[in-house]
Amino acid sequence: MSALWRLASCLVVVVTGASMHGQQAAPHLSMAPVRFAVIGDMGTGKSAQYEVAATMERSRQALPFTFVITLGDNIYGGNSAKDYRNKFERPYKAMLDAGVLFYASLGNHDSPSQRDYKSFNMGGNQYYTYTKGRAQFFALDSTYMSPAQVAWLVKELAASNADWKICYFHHPLYSSGERHGPSVELRLLLEPIFIKYGVQVVFAGHEHFYERLKPQHGVSYFTAGGSGQLRKGNLDPASGLTAVGYDQDRSFLRVEIAGDTLTFEAVSRTGLQVDSGSIVRAHESPGTP
């Protein structure tokens, strides 16, 4: 199996039918690029996690990002102060000291009490939303997708005026992973909502590798669950879903949103660029309902 598949162009054009209007924000905020990193399944406390974190920090110094989203399994194997220290505070110390904010979502290996951990910026909430420039982010708990959470998501998406709507959570709706594969029940529940309300990009973890899926119904899906754990050789090249996949080393994502373009770069533990490309936000045609 090839370590790196390039089965499609790195240029992705996303077309959605939802109404998109400018976010109500100060002009200097709405025009400034939004830069962030994406990590998942990272909280092992082992050397590979620290090495990914060091590569992230070098990348940040070259082109600063201001926040990081996490895709769950933030802290493996315990929930003590020592676990938080060794599996989060120490590996990401340089970024935390520089004021980089981490916005966590919960995975199946995480304690619900993580929502009260100040540095995860969850505000005590199992799921939550926040805005950065022209983008609105929706952090979900895919392990406990209750009716209340679904109703909240529909309400928040329907009320959003953001140009970019980005959801992130732990379990991938689409996956070429041979170990877990896609969360089909979750897909049946969430994908119609994403399509109806114009979500353009979805990030998930759980699978311990990097995968960019071919766009599905106008939505771009990424799996980035290899930031601490690795399931080497687990991507199935026969799935037909993969645009680019990498399962040979740990990795993270860098993302920048500038106007109507979102650019991304997947970077390995050693600094190798394993994927890059752009997603262009679609505009409605006049007269579209």
Protein backbone atom coordinates (compact mmCIF):
# COMPACT_ATOMS: atom_id res chain seq x y z
CA MET A 1 0.00 0.00 0.00
CA SER A 2 1.34 3.43 -0.90
CA ALA A 3 2.22 5.66 2.03
CA LEU A 4 0.88 8.73 0.33
CA TRP A 5 -1.89 8.72 -2.24
CA ARG A 6 -2.51 11.63 -4.50
CA LEU A 7 -5.71 10.47 -6.12
CA ALA A 8 -7.14 13.92 -6.75
CA SER A 9 -6.00 17.47 -7.29
CA CYS A 10 -5.19 19.46 -4.16
CA LEU A 11 -7.65 22.10 -5.39
CA VAL A 12 -11.09 21.50 -3.95
CA VAL A 13 -14.11 23.62 -4.82
CA VAL A 14 -16.96 23.41 -2.36
CA VAL A 15 -20.48 24.20 -3.58
CA THR A 16 -23.28 24.62 -1.05
CA GLY A 17 -26.84 25.81 -1.35
CA ALA A 18 -27.09 27.61 1.99
CA SER A 19 -27.29 31.36 2.30
CA MET A 20 -23.97 32.88 3.34
CA HIS A 21 -23.72 36.48 4.48
CA GLY A 22 -20.85 38.44 5.98
CA GLN A 23 -20.22 37.96 9.70
CA GLN A 24 -21.12 41.03 11.76
CA ALA A 25 -17.69 41.95 13.01
CA ALA A 26 -15.33 44.89 12.98
CA PRO A 27 -13.84 45.39 9.49
CA HIS A 28 -10.28 44.73 10.62
CA LEU A 29 -11.37 41.41 12.16
CA SER A 30 -13.42 40.23 9.21
CA MET A 31 -10.66 41.04 6.73
CA ALA A 32 -7.76 39.55 8.70
CA PRO A 33 -6.76 35.96 7.90
CA VAL A 34 -7.83 33.34 10.42
CA ARG A 35 -5.03 30.86 11.07
CA PHE A 36 -5.28 27.74 13.20
CA ALA A 37 -3.92 24.23 13.63
CA VAL A 38 -5.80 20.94 13.93
CA ILE A 39 -4.75 17.96 16.06
CA GLY A 40 -6.48 14.79 17.17
CA ASP A 41 -5.88 11.67 19.28
CA MET A 42 -2.76 13.30 20.62
CA GLY A 43 -2.83 12.95 24.41
CA THR A 44 -0.43 10.07 24.97
CA GLY A 45 2.37 11.89 26.78
CA LYS A 46 4.87 9.94 24.68
CA SER A 47 7.80 11.24 22.66
CA ALA A 48 5.96 11.28 19.33
CA GLN A 49 3.35 13.68 20.72
CA TYR A 50 6.11 15.99 21.95
CA GLU A 51 7.83 15.82 18.56
CA VAL A 52 4.62 16.76 16.71
CA ALA A 53 4.17 19.64 19.15
CA ALA A 54 7.72 20.85 18.51
CA THR A 55 7.12 20.79 14.75
CA MET A 56 3.87 22.70 15.28
CA GLU A 57 5.73 25.36 17.24
CA ARG A 58 8.39 25.74 14.55
CA SER A 59 5.62 26.09 11.99
CA ARG A 60 3.86 28.67 14.15
CA GLN A 61 7.01 30.75 14.45
CA ALA A 62 7.36 30.79 10.67
CA LEU A 63 3.71 31.67 10.03
CA PRO A 64 1.82 32.34 13.29
CA PHE A 65 -1.52 30.73 14.05
CA THR A 66 -3.53 31.92 17.03
CA PHE A 67 -5.52 28.87 18.06
CA VAL A 68 -5.70 25.08 17.82
CA ILE A 69 -8.77 22.85 17.57
CA THR A 70 -8.60 19.35 19.04
CA LEU A 71 -10.56 16.39 17.70
CA GLY A 72 -10.85 14.34 20.85
CA ASP A 73 -8.88 11.74 22.75
CA ASN A 74 -7.11 14.68 24.30
CA ILE A 75 -5.92 12.83 27.41
CA TYR A 76 -5.40 9.07 27.31
CA GLY A 77 -5.21 6.83 30.35
CA GLY A 78 -6.17 9.09 33.24
CA ASN A 79 -7.58 12.40 34.34
CA SER A 80 -5.27 13.54 37.12
CA ALA A 81 -3.36 16.80 37.31
CA LYS A 82 -0.27 14.82 36.30
CA ASP A 83 -2.03 13.55 33.17
CA TYR A 84 -2.97 17.09 32.10
CA ARG A 85 0.54 18.26 32.82
CA ASN A 86 2.41 15.50 30.94
CA LYS A 87 -0.07 15.01 28.08
CA PHE A 88 -1.05 18.61 27.38
CA GLU A 89 0.69 21.37 29.30
CA ARG A 90 4.25 20.21 28.74
CA PRO A 91 4.10 19.21 25.07
CA TYR A 92 2.32 22.44 24.06
CA LYS A 93 4.03 24.73 26.59
CA ALA A 94 5.66 26.99 24.00
CA MET A 95 2.34 27.62 22.27
CA LEU A 96 0.45 28.11 25.53
CA ASP A 97 3.10 30.56 26.72
CA ALA A 98 2.71 32.47 23.44
CA GLY A 99 -1.04 32.85 24.05
CA VAL A 100 -2.24 30.23 21.57
CA LEU A 101 -5.72 29.05 22.58
CA PHE A 102 -6.83 25.42 22.40
CA TYR A 103 -10.51 24.69 21.72
CA ALA A 104 -11.18 21.04 22.53
CA SER A 105 -13.81 18.54 21.52
CA LEU A 106 -14.25 15.28 23.41
CA GLY A 107 -13.38 11.77 22.20
CA ASN A 108 -14.43 8.34 23.41
CA HIS A 109 -11.29 8.07 25.58
CA ASP A 110 -11.91 11.43 27.28
CA SER A 111 -13.54 12.12 30.61
CA PRO A 112 -16.55 14.47 30.39
CA SER A 113 -14.86 16.49 33.14
CA GLN A 114 -12.41 17.79 30.56
CA ARG A 115 -15.04 20.38 29.64
CA ASP A 116 -14.16 22.13 32.92
CA TYR A 117 -10.42 22.22 32.23
CA LYS A 118 -9.68 25.89 31.68
CA SER A 119 -7.07 25.45 28.95
CA PHE A 120 -9.49 23.50 26.75
CA ASN A 121 -11.71 26.60 26.55
CA MET A 122 -14.94 24.61 26.55
CA GLY A 123 -16.55 26.79 29.20
CA GLY A 124 -17.98 23.76 30.97
CA ASN A 125 -19.93 22.76 27.87
CA GLN A 126 -20.11 19.37 26.18
CA TYR A 127 -20.60 21.16 22.84
CA TYR A 128 -20.23 24.84 21.97
CA THR A 129 -19.66 27.40 19.23
CA TYR A 130 -17.44 30.44 18.73
CA THR A 131 -16.52 32.85 15.95
CA LYS A 132 -13.12 33.82 14.57
CA GLY A 133 -13.27 36.55 11.95
CA ARG A 134 -15.61 35.39 9.18
CA ALA A 135 -15.66 31.78 10.39
CA GLN A 136 -17.89 30.13 12.97
CA PHE A 137 -16.76 26.90 14.61
CA PHE A 138 -19.03 24.24 16.10
CA ALA A 139 -17.35 21.78 18.50
CA LEU A 140 -19.51 18.68 18.98
CA ASP A 141 -19.44 15.60 21.19
CA SER A 142 -19.88 12.71 18.74
CA THR A 143 -19.66 10.08 21.49
CA TYR A 144 -22.92 11.28 23.05
CA MET A 145 -24.90 12.79 20.16
CA SER A 146 -28.07 13.42 22.13
CA PRO A 147 -31.30 14.86 20.69
CA ALA A 148 -30.61 17.99 22.72
CA GLN A 149 -27.23 18.41 21.05
CA VAL A 150 -28.72 17.92 17.58
CA ALA A 151 -31.45 20.47 18.30
CA TRP A 152 -28.83 22.92 19.56
CA LEU A 153 -26.72 22.43 16.42
CA VAL A 154 -29.68 23.04 14.10
CA LYS A 155 -30.61 26.19 16.02
CA GLU A 156 -27.06 27.57 15.99
CA LEU A 157 -26.42 26.80 12.33
CA ALA A 158 -29.75 28.30 11.28
CA ALA A 159 -28.94 31.50 13.17
CA SER A 160 -25.38 31.79 11.86
CA ASN A 161 -24.43 34.59 9.45
CA ALA A 162 -20.83 33.38 9.15
CA ASP A 163 -19.26 33.06 5.72
CA TRP A 164 -17.54 29.86 6.85
CA LYS A 165 -19.23 27.21 8.98
CA ILE A 166 -16.82 24.59 10.31
CA CYS A 167 -17.79 21.60 12.47
CA TYR A 168 -15.37 19.38 14.33
CA PHE A 169 -15.71 16.30 16.53
CA HIS A 170 -14.18 12.88 17.13
CA HIS A 171 -15.82 10.19 14.97
CA PRO A 172 -15.48 10.59 11.17
CA LEU A 173 -18.60 10.40 9.01
CA TYR A 174 -16.47 9.11 6.12
CA SER A 175 -13.28 7.09 6.51
CA SER A 176 -11.07 4.66 4.65
CA GLY A 177 -9.72 3.24 7.91
CA GLU A 178 -9.64 -0.54 8.09
CA ARG A 179 -9.77 -0.52 11.91
CA HIS A 180 -12.82 1.68 12.50
CA GLY A 181 -14.23 2.91 9.21
CA PRO A 182 -16.99 5.50 8.87
CA SER A 183 -19.58 6.31 11.53
CA VAL A 184 -22.56 5.63 9.28
CA GLU A 185 -25.29 6.21 11.88
CA LEU A 186 -23.73 9.54 12.79
CA ARG A 187 -23.51 10.42 9.10
CA LEU A 188 -27.21 9.72 8.57
CA LEU A 189 -27.99 12.04 11.45
CA LEU A 190 -25.57 14.91 10.83
CA GLU A 191 -24.88 15.08 7.11
CA PRO A 192 -28.37 16.32 6.11
CA ILE A 193 -27.96 19.11 8.67
CA PHE A 194 -24.54 20.05 7.31
CA ILE A 195 -25.88 20.18 3.77
CA LYS A 196 -29.02 22.13 4.65
CA TYR A 197 -27.23 24.83 6.63
CA GLY A 198 -24.14 25.22 4.48
CA VAL A 199 -21.35 23.66 6.52
CA GLN A 200 -18.35 23.64 4.20
CA VAL A 201 -15.66 21.85 6.22
CA VAL A 202 -15.72 19.07 8.83
CA PHE A 203 -12.72 17.84 10.86
CA ALA A 204 -12.72 14.52 12.76
CA GLY A 205 -10.24 12.25 14.55
CA HIS A 206 -10.58 8.69 15.95
CA GLU A 207 -8.69 7.13 13.03
CA HIS A 208 -4.97 7.35 13.80
CA PHE A 209 -3.81 8.76 10.47
CA TYR A 210 -4.42 11.70 8.13
CA GLU A 211 -7.03 11.55 5.40
CA ARG A 212 -8.65 14.14 3.18
CA LEU A 213 -11.79 12.67 1.73
CA LYS A 214 -13.14 13.47 -1.69
CA PRO A 215 -15.88 16.10 -1.18
CA GLN A 216 -19.22 14.55 -0.29
CA HIS A 217 -22.38 16.47 -1.21
CA GLY A 218 -20.45 19.73 -1.24
CA VAL A 219 -18.77 19.20 2.14
CA SER A 220 -15.02 18.73 2.60
CA TYR A 221 -14.15 16.14 5.25
CA PHE A 222 -10.76 15.72 6.93
CA THR A 223 -9.54 13.12 9.42
CA ALA A 224 -6.59 14.23 11.54
CA GLY A 225 -6.37 11.65 14.31
CA GLY A 226 -2.65 10.96 14.01
CA SER A 227 -1.17 13.71 16.20
CA GLY A 228 -0.05 11.36 18.96
CA GLN A 229 -1.22 7.88 18.03
CA LEU A 230 -0.52 6.14 14.72
CA ARG A 231 -2.17 3.16 13.04
CA LYS A 232 0.42 2.55 10.36
CA GLY A 233 -0.76 1.05 7.07
CA ASN A 234 -4.43 1.23 8.07
CA LEU A 235 -5.77 3.23 5.13
CA ASP A 236 -7.64 1.14 2.58
CA PRO A 237 -6.71 2.33 -0.93
CA ALA A 238 -9.69 0.49 -2.39
CA SER A 239 -12.29 2.54 -0.50
CA GLY A 240 -12.62 5.05 -3.33
CA LEU A 241 -13.10 7.85 -0.76
CA THR A 242 -9.57 9.16 -0.37
CA ALA A 243 -8.28 12.28 -2.04
CA VAL A 244 -5.00 12.17 -0.08
CA GLY A 245 -4.08 9.91 2.83
CA TYR A 246 -1.01 9.49 5.02
CA ASP A 247 -0.61 6.70 7.56
CA GLN A 248 3.17 6.43 7.91
CA ASP A 249 3.84 8.96 10.69
CA ARG A 250 2.13 11.31 13.11
CA SER A 251 0.85 14.58 11.69
CA PHE A 252 -1.17 17.76 12.16
CA LEU A 253 -2.99 20.28 9.97
CA ARG A 254 -2.43 23.99 9.41
CA VAL A 255 -5.36 26.01 8.08
CA GLU A 256 -5.76 29.61 6.93
CA ILE A 257 -9.01 31.34 5.98
CA ALA A 258 -8.58 34.49 3.93
CA GLY A 259 -11.75 35.87 2.40
CA ASP A 260 -13.45 33.23 0.29
CA THR A 261 -10.50 30.81 0.32
CA LEU A 262 -9.50 28.25 2.93
CA THR A 263 -6.02 26.81 2.45
CA PHE A 264 -4.73 23.76 4.28
CA GLU A 265 -1.45 21.94 4.76
CA ALA A 266 -0.93 18.58 6.43
CA VAL A 267 2.49 18.25 8.04
CA SER A 268 4.19 15.15 9.43
CA ARG A 269 6.03 14.83 12.74
CA THR A 270 9.32 15.47 10.89
CA GLY A 271 8.03 18.51 9.00
CA LEU A 272 7.22 16.77 5.72
CA GLN A 273 4.31 18.32 3.83
CA VAL A 274 2.00 15.40 3.04
CA ASP A 275 -0.93 17.33 1.60
CA SER A 276 -1.93 20.89 0.70
CA GLY A 277 -4.63 22.66 -1.20
CA SER A 278 -7.50 25.14 -1.16
CA ILE A 279 -11.25 25.19 -0.71
CA VAL A 280 -13.17 28.06 -2.31
CA ARG A 281 -16.38 29.22 -0.69
CA ALA A 282 -19.30 29.19 -3.11
CA HIS A 283 -21.69 32.11 -3.41
CA GLU A 284 -25.38 31.81 -4.08
CA SER A 285 -26.68 32.69 -7.49
CA PRO A 286 -29.22 35.53 -7.52
CA GLY A 287 -32.71 34.25 -6.91
CA THR A 288 -31.61 31.08 -5.13
CA PRO A 289 -34.22 30.20 -2.48
